[in-house]
Amino acid sequence: VARINVTPVKSLRLHHPEEIELVADGAREDRRFLLVDADRRLYNGKRDTTLCRTSASWDPGSRQLELTLPDGTTVGGEVGPGDASVVDVYGRRLRGRIVAGPWADALSDLVGRSLTLVERDDGGWATDDRPASLVSRASLDTIDGDGRRFRMLLELEGVAAHEEDTWRNRRVRVGEATLLVGDPTPRCAVPSASPDTGVRDRDVLRELIEKRGPVEGEACMGVYAEVLEPGLVRVGDALELV
């Protein structure tokens, strides 16, 4: 494991901890919060790549959430109980609770539209189609080398380019956890934006198609995974095919 990528608020700037606890719904506390617009539609990086200019820190013990906006302003406080809500996340009904407080107002002012912050319940995930994802650094190097663009959970070293695609339906042991590798991950337009500025500076979908061709008709990078056995995963842990 070369790097871990998580964030407490979906689509905001990534964090790179030295270890995570993997549970059935992915890395614990990863994407604990997500944003919806006035029409109750998910508001994420696909709709606004500049969200990555804001970072978030979250302490689940004290339930303190703090946002650092692009101008350096911080907004924080304790997240209290909220009204129940259901958000459609890539065709899944994700249950959660509306978060009252200053965070949504700050982000609404930043993007110029009314947003609501939702805290997801345990038992669901607000990542992509599956709760975990893997990509090799060699795969990334075929077009860019910066895994932050793709926002996948685990980046791996010592694996050949796109070798992870050959693990479909196989179990892998990484750290204390066991994963079941799934399908290749279709990419959207988000990797074409700089992970630092959110400004589109590449055409990554075109580059993927040119460099490796379509995978099952789509531009893909990395693979999805399910968590079969929970456990800690640390930077430097070995990955073993079971």
Protein backbone atom coordinates (compact mmCIF):
# COMPACT_ATOMS: atom_id res chain seq x y z
CA VAL A 1 0.00 0.00 0.00
CA ALA A 2 1.64 3.22 -1.19
CA ARG A 3 -1.03 5.76 -0.26
CA ILE A 4 -4.50 5.93 1.28
CA ASN A 5 -7.07 8.47 0.06
CA VAL A 6 -10.07 9.44 2.19
CA THR A 7 -12.12 12.52 3.05
CA PRO A 8 -14.80 13.06 5.72
CA VAL A 9 -16.95 15.12 3.31
CA LYS A 10 -17.55 13.68 -0.14
CA SER A 11 -15.78 15.59 -2.96
CA LEU A 12 -13.72 17.79 -0.63
CA ARG A 13 -9.91 17.64 -0.48
CA LEU A 14 -8.42 14.21 0.18
CA HIS A 15 -6.57 13.19 3.34
CA HIS A 16 -3.74 10.64 3.31
CA PRO A 17 -3.66 8.88 6.71
CA GLU A 18 -1.05 6.28 7.58
CA GLU A 19 -3.75 3.76 8.49
CA ILE A 20 -7.50 3.17 8.19
CA GLU A 21 -9.96 0.69 9.61
CA LEU A 22 -11.82 -1.13 6.86
CA VAL A 23 -15.37 -2.21 7.69
CA ALA A 24 -18.24 -3.52 5.53
CA ASP A 25 -19.10 0.00 4.33
CA GLY A 26 -15.50 0.90 3.46
CA ALA A 27 -12.95 2.94 5.40
CA ARG A 28 -14.51 3.96 8.69
CA GLU A 29 -15.64 7.62 8.60
CA ASP A 30 -14.68 8.02 4.94
CA ARG A 31 -17.30 10.18 3.17
CA ARG A 32 -19.26 10.41 6.42
CA PHE A 33 -20.90 13.57 5.04
CA LEU A 34 -22.22 14.48 1.61
CA LEU A 35 -23.94 17.43 -0.04
CA VAL A 36 -27.30 17.71 -1.80
CA ASP A 37 -28.79 20.67 -3.65
CA ALA A 38 -32.21 22.30 -3.33
CA ASP A 39 -33.72 19.52 -5.48
CA ARG A 40 -32.27 16.86 -3.13
CA ARG A 41 -29.81 15.77 -5.81
CA LEU A 42 -26.30 14.70 -4.87
CA TYR A 43 -23.92 17.63 -5.31
CA ASN A 44 -20.44 16.25 -5.84
CA GLY A 45 -17.24 16.64 -7.83
CA LYS A 46 -18.94 15.52 -11.03
CA ARG A 47 -21.07 18.66 -10.83
CA ASP A 48 -18.49 21.01 -9.31
CA THR A 49 -14.82 20.07 -9.43
CA THR A 50 -13.84 23.14 -7.37
CA LEU A 51 -15.15 21.49 -4.19
CA CYS A 52 -11.67 19.95 -3.81
CA ARG A 53 -10.31 23.38 -2.85
CA THR A 54 -12.02 23.03 0.56
CA SER A 55 -10.72 20.60 3.19
CA ALA A 56 -12.52 19.04 6.14
CA SER A 57 -11.47 17.49 9.44
CA TRP A 58 -13.77 15.26 11.48
CA ASP A 59 -13.41 13.83 14.99
CA PRO A 60 -16.12 11.17 15.47
CA GLY A 61 -15.44 10.96 19.21
CA SER A 62 -16.23 14.60 19.93
CA ARG A 63 -18.33 14.94 16.75
CA GLN A 64 -16.42 18.07 15.78
CA LEU A 65 -16.44 18.96 12.10
CA GLU A 66 -14.28 21.76 10.70
CA LEU A 67 -14.06 23.08 7.15
CA THR A 68 -11.17 25.13 5.82
CA LEU A 69 -12.30 27.20 2.84
CA PRO A 70 -10.04 28.22 -0.06
CA ASP A 71 -9.38 31.66 1.46
CA GLY A 72 -8.23 30.07 4.73
CA THR A 73 -11.44 30.79 6.66
CA THR A 74 -12.46 27.98 9.02
CA VAL A 75 -15.99 26.97 10.00
CA GLY A 76 -16.47 24.43 12.74
CA GLY A 77 -18.51 23.10 15.60
CA GLU A 78 -20.22 20.03 17.01
CA VAL A 79 -22.52 18.06 14.74
CA GLY A 80 -25.81 17.43 16.50
CA PRO A 81 -28.65 15.02 15.75
CA GLY A 82 -30.72 15.95 12.70
CA ASP A 83 -33.85 14.98 10.83
CA ALA A 84 -33.80 11.71 8.92
CA SER A 85 -33.15 11.91 5.20
CA VAL A 86 -32.57 9.63 2.22
CA VAL A 87 -30.16 10.53 -0.57
CA ASP A 88 -29.88 8.85 -3.96
CA VAL A 89 -26.20 7.97 -4.44
CA TYR A 90 -25.54 6.43 -7.85
CA GLY A 91 -28.90 4.65 -7.78
CA ARG A 92 -28.64 3.55 -4.13
CA ARG A 93 -30.88 4.88 -1.36
CA LEU A 94 -28.47 6.07 1.32
CA ARG A 95 -30.02 6.82 4.70
CA GLY A 96 -28.71 9.66 6.82
CA ARG A 97 -29.53 12.78 8.80
CA ILE A 98 -29.58 16.43 7.84
CA VAL A 99 -26.80 18.43 9.52
CA ALA A 100 -27.87 21.80 10.90
CA GLY A 101 -25.14 24.38 11.40
CA PRO A 102 -22.74 26.71 9.60
CA TRP A 103 -21.09 24.21 7.24
CA ALA A 104 -23.76 24.07 4.53
CA ASP A 105 -24.12 27.87 4.53
CA ALA A 106 -20.38 28.30 4.03
CA LEU A 107 -20.30 25.85 1.13
CA SER A 108 -23.47 27.35 -0.36
CA ASP A 109 -21.83 30.77 -0.40
CA LEU A 110 -18.72 29.26 -1.93
CA VAL A 111 -20.44 27.55 -4.89
CA GLY A 112 -23.28 30.05 -5.33
CA ARG A 113 -26.22 27.71 -4.74
CA SER A 114 -28.20 26.36 -1.81
CA LEU A 115 -26.70 23.17 -0.41
CA THR A 116 -27.61 20.88 2.47
CA LEU A 117 -25.11 18.75 4.40
CA VAL A 118 -26.16 15.17 5.21
CA GLU A 119 -24.46 12.73 7.57
CA ARG A 120 -24.79 9.17 6.32
CA ASP A 121 -25.82 6.37 8.66
CA ASP A 122 -23.58 3.36 9.26
CA GLY A 123 -24.31 0.43 6.99
CA GLY A 124 -24.13 2.42 3.75
CA TRP A 125 -21.34 4.11 1.85
CA ALA A 126 -21.07 7.39 -0.04
CA THR A 127 -18.07 6.50 -2.17
CA ASP A 128 -18.84 5.07 -5.61
CA ASP A 129 -20.69 1.90 -6.61
CA ARG A 130 -18.76 -0.21 -4.09
CA PRO A 131 -17.31 0.64 -0.66
CA ALA A 132 -13.62 0.20 -1.57
CA SER A 133 -11.35 0.64 -4.58
CA LEU A 134 -7.79 -0.20 -5.63
CA VAL A 135 -5.42 1.15 -8.26
CA SER A 136 -1.74 0.50 -8.95
CA ARG A 137 0.77 3.31 -9.27
CA ALA A 138 1.94 1.69 -12.53
CA SER A 139 -1.58 2.05 -13.93
CA LEU A 140 -1.65 5.70 -12.90
CA ASP A 141 1.76 6.29 -14.45
CA THR A 142 0.46 5.28 -17.88
CA ILE A 143 -1.22 8.68 -18.13
CA ASP A 144 -0.48 10.85 -15.11
CA GLY A 145 0.99 9.38 -11.95
CA ASP A 146 -1.14 11.48 -9.55
CA GLY A 147 -3.68 9.22 -7.87
CA ARG A 148 -5.44 12.17 -6.27
CA ARG A 149 -7.19 12.78 -9.57
CA PHE A 150 -8.91 9.39 -9.36
CA ARG A 151 -9.74 9.52 -5.63
CA MET A 152 -9.46 5.76 -5.08
CA LEU A 153 -9.11 4.32 -1.60
CA LEU A 154 -5.83 2.39 -1.91
CA GLU A 155 -2.88 3.05 -4.23
CA LEU A 156 -0.52 0.10 -4.67
CA GLU A 157 3.17 -0.19 -5.56
CA GLY A 158 4.93 -3.23 -7.02
CA VAL A 159 2.02 -4.14 -9.30
CA ALA A 160 2.19 -4.04 -13.10
CA ALA A 161 0.06 -1.56 -15.02
CA HIS A 162 -3.60 -2.67 -14.98
CA GLU A 163 -2.69 -5.93 -13.26
CA GLU A 164 -5.42 -5.20 -10.73
CA ASP A 165 -7.98 -5.70 -13.51
CA THR A 166 -6.96 -9.39 -13.65
CA TRP A 167 -7.98 -9.93 -10.02
CA ARG A 168 -11.72 -9.71 -10.69
CA ASN A 169 -13.69 -12.11 -8.45
CA ARG A 170 -10.56 -12.96 -6.46
CA ARG A 171 -9.87 -12.34 -2.79
CA VAL A 172 -6.93 -10.23 -1.72
CA ARG A 173 -5.49 -9.88 1.75
CA VAL A 174 -4.18 -6.42 2.59
CA GLY A 175 -3.09 -5.65 6.12
CA GLU A 176 -5.66 -7.21 8.46
CA ALA A 177 -8.51 -7.00 5.93
CA THR A 178 -9.71 -9.27 3.13
CA LEU A 179 -11.29 -7.78 0.00
CA LEU A 180 -13.17 -9.28 -2.93
CA VAL A 181 -12.06 -7.53 -6.11
CA GLY A 182 -14.84 -6.51 -8.46
CA ASP A 183 -15.23 -4.81 -11.82
CA PRO A 184 -12.95 -2.22 -13.43
CA THR A 185 -13.93 1.32 -12.45
CA PRO A 186 -15.43 3.49 -15.22
CA ARG A 187 -14.16 7.05 -15.01
CA CYS A 188 -16.06 10.32 -15.19
CA ALA A 189 -14.76 13.81 -15.96
CA VAL A 190 -13.45 14.45 -12.41
CA PRO A 191 -9.86 13.21 -13.09
CA SER A 192 -9.54 15.82 -15.83
CA ALA A 193 -9.54 18.55 -13.14
CA SER A 194 -6.49 19.45 -11.07
CA PRO A 195 -6.78 18.03 -7.52
CA ASP A 196 -5.29 21.29 -6.22
CA THR A 197 -7.35 23.90 -8.08
CA GLY A 198 -10.36 22.00 -9.38
CA VAL A 199 -9.76 23.56 -12.80
CA ARG A 200 -9.97 21.24 -15.80
CA ASP A 201 -6.45 21.04 -17.27
CA ARG A 202 -6.51 17.63 -18.98
CA ASP A 203 -8.82 15.36 -20.96
CA VAL A 204 -8.19 12.20 -18.98
CA LEU A 205 -11.02 10.20 -20.55
CA ARG A 206 -9.54 10.75 -24.00
CA GLU A 207 -6.06 9.89 -22.71
CA LEU A 208 -7.30 6.63 -21.18
CA ILE A 209 -8.98 5.58 -24.40
CA GLU A 210 -5.88 6.47 -26.42
CA LYS A 211 -3.41 4.71 -24.09
CA ARG A 212 -5.26 1.47 -23.25
CA GLY A 213 -8.46 1.52 -25.27
CA PRO A 214 -11.96 1.01 -23.86
CA VAL A 215 -12.59 -1.61 -21.17
CA GLU A 216 -16.04 -3.10 -21.63
CA GLY A 217 -16.87 -0.05 -23.70
CA GLU A 218 -15.70 2.57 -21.17
CA ALA A 219 -12.60 4.46 -20.06
CA CYS A 220 -11.55 2.66 -16.86
CA MET A 221 -8.85 3.00 -14.21
CA GLY A 222 -8.55 0.78 -11.13
CA VAL A 223 -11.07 -1.66 -9.69
CA TYR A 224 -13.90 -1.77 -7.18
CA ALA A 225 -13.78 -4.03 -4.12
CA GLU A 226 -15.99 -5.37 -1.32
CA VAL A 227 -14.78 -5.74 2.27
CA LEU A 228 -15.19 -9.39 3.29
CA GLU A 229 -13.19 -9.30 6.52
CA PRO A 230 -12.67 -6.02 8.39
CA GLY A 231 -9.36 -4.87 9.80
CA LEU A 232 -6.66 -2.23 9.86
CA VAL A 233 -4.79 -1.34 6.68
CA ARG A 234 -1.57 0.68 6.89
CA VAL A 235 0.71 2.35 4.40
CA GLY A 236 3.44 -0.21 3.68
CA ASP A 237 1.21 -3.26 4.21
CA ALA A 238 1.65 -6.06 1.67
CA LEU A 239 -1.16 -7.21 -0.59
CA GLU A 240 -1.53 -10.95 -1.20
CA LEU A 241 -3.82 -12.79 -3.58
CA VAL A 242 -5.73 -15.43 -1.61
